Amino acid sequence: MIPEVGPQKETVKVEVTVDSVNSNGAIIKVATQGIKEFAYMQRDTELEATAILAAGEKKSITDSSVATTTDVTIQGLEPGTAYKVFFAFRQSDNAIYKNVVVAEFTTACTLIVLLSPHGRQS
């Protein structure tokens, strides 16, 4: 007798990394598999995943069965300031991924060079 095999559980992977930061923004790479959509919000304190998915900026994944990397660009930030961006994920089977993931970074300071009337730095 051959045992019955049920449907294979889809692999679910989530990784969020800050790729680059400048004085007024950042690029965050979101690597997923088994995820059909995610949402993100920049804020000081964490929310539940359901709240982020309801109110956050959403991104859809075309083919959730393969590993996918999506760039998220955050702009309009203040120089020299610490930020947190919270991510929540919806799996291919519509279940909500177990963890809210946070990306933390500090924007670069803006350098101001003052020149004297003779063209020399002061």
Protein backbone atom coordinates (compact mmCIF):
# COMPACT_ATOMS: atom_id res chain seq x y z
CA MET A 1 0.00 0.00 0.00
CA ILE A 2 1.34 3.46 -0.94
CA PRO A 3 0.84 6.12 1.73
CA GLU A 4 -1.12 9.18 0.69
CA VAL A 5 0.92 12.33 0.48
CA GLY A 6 -0.83 15.61 1.17
CA PRO A 7 -0.01 18.87 -0.54
CA GLN A 8 3.51 20.14 0.10
CA LYS A 9 3.76 23.16 2.36
CA GLU A 10 5.20 26.08 0.45
CA THR A 11 8.53 27.39 1.67
CA VAL A 12 8.14 30.74 3.41
CA LYS A 13 11.17 33.03 3.71
CA VAL A 14 11.41 36.70 4.63
CA GLU A 15 14.53 38.87 4.85
CA VAL A 16 14.66 42.65 5.11
CA THR A 17 17.96 44.55 4.74
CA VAL A 18 18.83 48.22 4.48
CA ASP A 19 20.69 48.51 1.18
CA SER A 20 21.65 52.20 1.08
CA VAL A 21 20.97 55.39 3.01
CA ASN A 22 21.41 59.04 2.07
CA SER A 23 20.48 62.32 3.76
CA ASN A 24 16.77 62.18 2.90
CA GLY A 25 15.95 58.52 2.23
CA ALA A 26 16.86 54.87 2.07
CA ILE A 27 16.53 51.81 -0.14
CA ILE A 28 15.45 48.65 1.65
CA LYS A 29 15.66 45.22 -0.01
CA VAL A 30 12.87 42.78 0.83
CA ALA A 31 13.63 39.15 -0.11
CA THR A 32 10.65 36.78 0.05
CA GLN A 33 9.42 33.35 -0.93
CA GLY A 34 5.94 32.02 -0.27
CA ILE A 35 4.70 35.60 0.26
CA LYS A 36 2.05 37.12 -2.01
CA GLU A 37 2.10 40.66 -0.61
CA PHE A 38 3.64 42.83 2.03
CA ALA A 39 3.05 46.26 3.49
CA TYR A 40 5.30 48.68 5.32
CA MET A 41 5.04 51.77 7.51
CA GLN A 42 7.63 54.20 8.83
CA ARG A 43 6.87 54.96 12.48
CA ASP A 44 8.43 55.02 15.95
CA THR A 45 6.55 52.08 17.48
CA GLU A 46 5.54 48.68 16.20
CA LEU A 47 1.99 47.84 15.16
CA GLU A 48 0.37 44.45 14.75
CA ALA A 49 0.80 42.86 11.34
CA THR A 50 -2.91 43.20 10.54
CA ALA A 51 -2.77 46.99 11.10
CA ILE A 52 0.30 47.36 8.86
CA LEU A 53 -1.32 45.25 6.13
CA ALA A 54 -4.52 47.34 6.36
CA ALA A 55 -3.00 50.84 6.45
CA GLY A 56 0.56 50.52 5.13
CA GLU A 57 2.06 50.99 1.67
CA LYS A 58 1.44 47.68 -0.14
CA LYS A 59 3.55 45.69 -2.60
CA SER A 60 2.32 42.59 -4.44
CA ILE A 61 4.54 39.67 -5.42
CA THR A 62 3.73 38.26 -8.86
CA ASP A 63 5.01 34.71 -8.34
CA SER A 64 5.21 33.81 -4.66
CA SER A 65 6.59 30.33 -5.32
CA VAL A 66 10.03 31.65 -6.30
CA ALA A 67 12.52 33.71 -4.32
CA THR A 68 11.93 37.38 -5.12
CA THR A 69 13.70 40.58 -4.09
CA THR A 70 11.77 43.85 -4.08
CA ASP A 71 13.33 47.29 -3.55
CA VAL A 72 11.44 49.67 -1.29
CA THR A 73 12.46 53.33 -1.59
CA ILE A 74 11.70 55.60 1.35
CA GLN A 75 12.05 59.35 0.60
CA GLY A 76 11.33 62.72 2.19
CA LEU A 77 13.15 62.00 5.44
CA GLU A 78 15.10 64.43 7.61
CA PRO A 79 18.94 64.33 7.54
CA GLY A 80 20.75 62.88 10.57
CA THR A 81 17.63 61.20 11.97
CA ALA A 82 17.02 57.61 13.12
CA TYR A 83 14.08 55.80 11.49
CA LYS A 84 12.25 52.49 11.82
CA VAL A 85 10.26 50.92 8.99
CA PHE A 86 7.96 48.04 9.96
CA PHE A 87 7.04 45.29 7.48
CA ALA A 88 4.16 42.79 7.62
CA PHE A 89 3.64 39.91 5.18
CA ARG A 90 0.73 37.89 3.80
CA GLN A 91 1.61 34.34 2.78
CA SER A 92 0.43 32.64 -0.40
CA ASP A 93 -2.30 30.81 1.55
CA ASN A 94 -3.57 34.18 2.92
CA ALA A 95 -2.21 33.50 6.41
CA ILE A 96 -0.37 36.41 7.99
CA TYR A 97 3.37 35.80 8.48
CA LYS A 98 4.15 35.28 12.15
CA ASN A 99 6.57 38.20 12.67
CA VAL A 100 6.58 41.91 11.98
CA VAL A 101 10.08 42.73 10.67
CA VAL A 102 11.75 46.08 11.34
CA ALA A 103 14.45 47.86 9.32
CA GLU A 104 16.33 50.51 11.28
CA PHE A 105 18.65 53.16 9.86
CA THR A 106 19.88 56.71 10.38
CA THR A 107 19.89 59.14 7.48
CA ALA A 108 23.18 60.82 6.61
CA CYS A 109 23.92 64.33 7.82
CA THR A 110 24.04 67.10 5.27
CA LEU A 111 27.49 68.66 5.02
CA ILE A 112 27.52 72.42 4.62
CA VAL A 113 30.78 74.03 3.50
CA LEU A 114 31.10 77.73 4.14
CA LEU A 115 33.42 79.71 1.89
CA SER A 116 35.05 82.96 2.87
CA PRO A 117 34.88 85.90 0.45
CA HIS A 118 38.29 84.76 -0.89
CA GLY A 119 37.08 81.27 -1.78
CA ARG A 120 38.72 79.51 1.17
CA GLN A 121 36.84 77.26 3.55
CA SER A 122 36.17 78.71 6.98
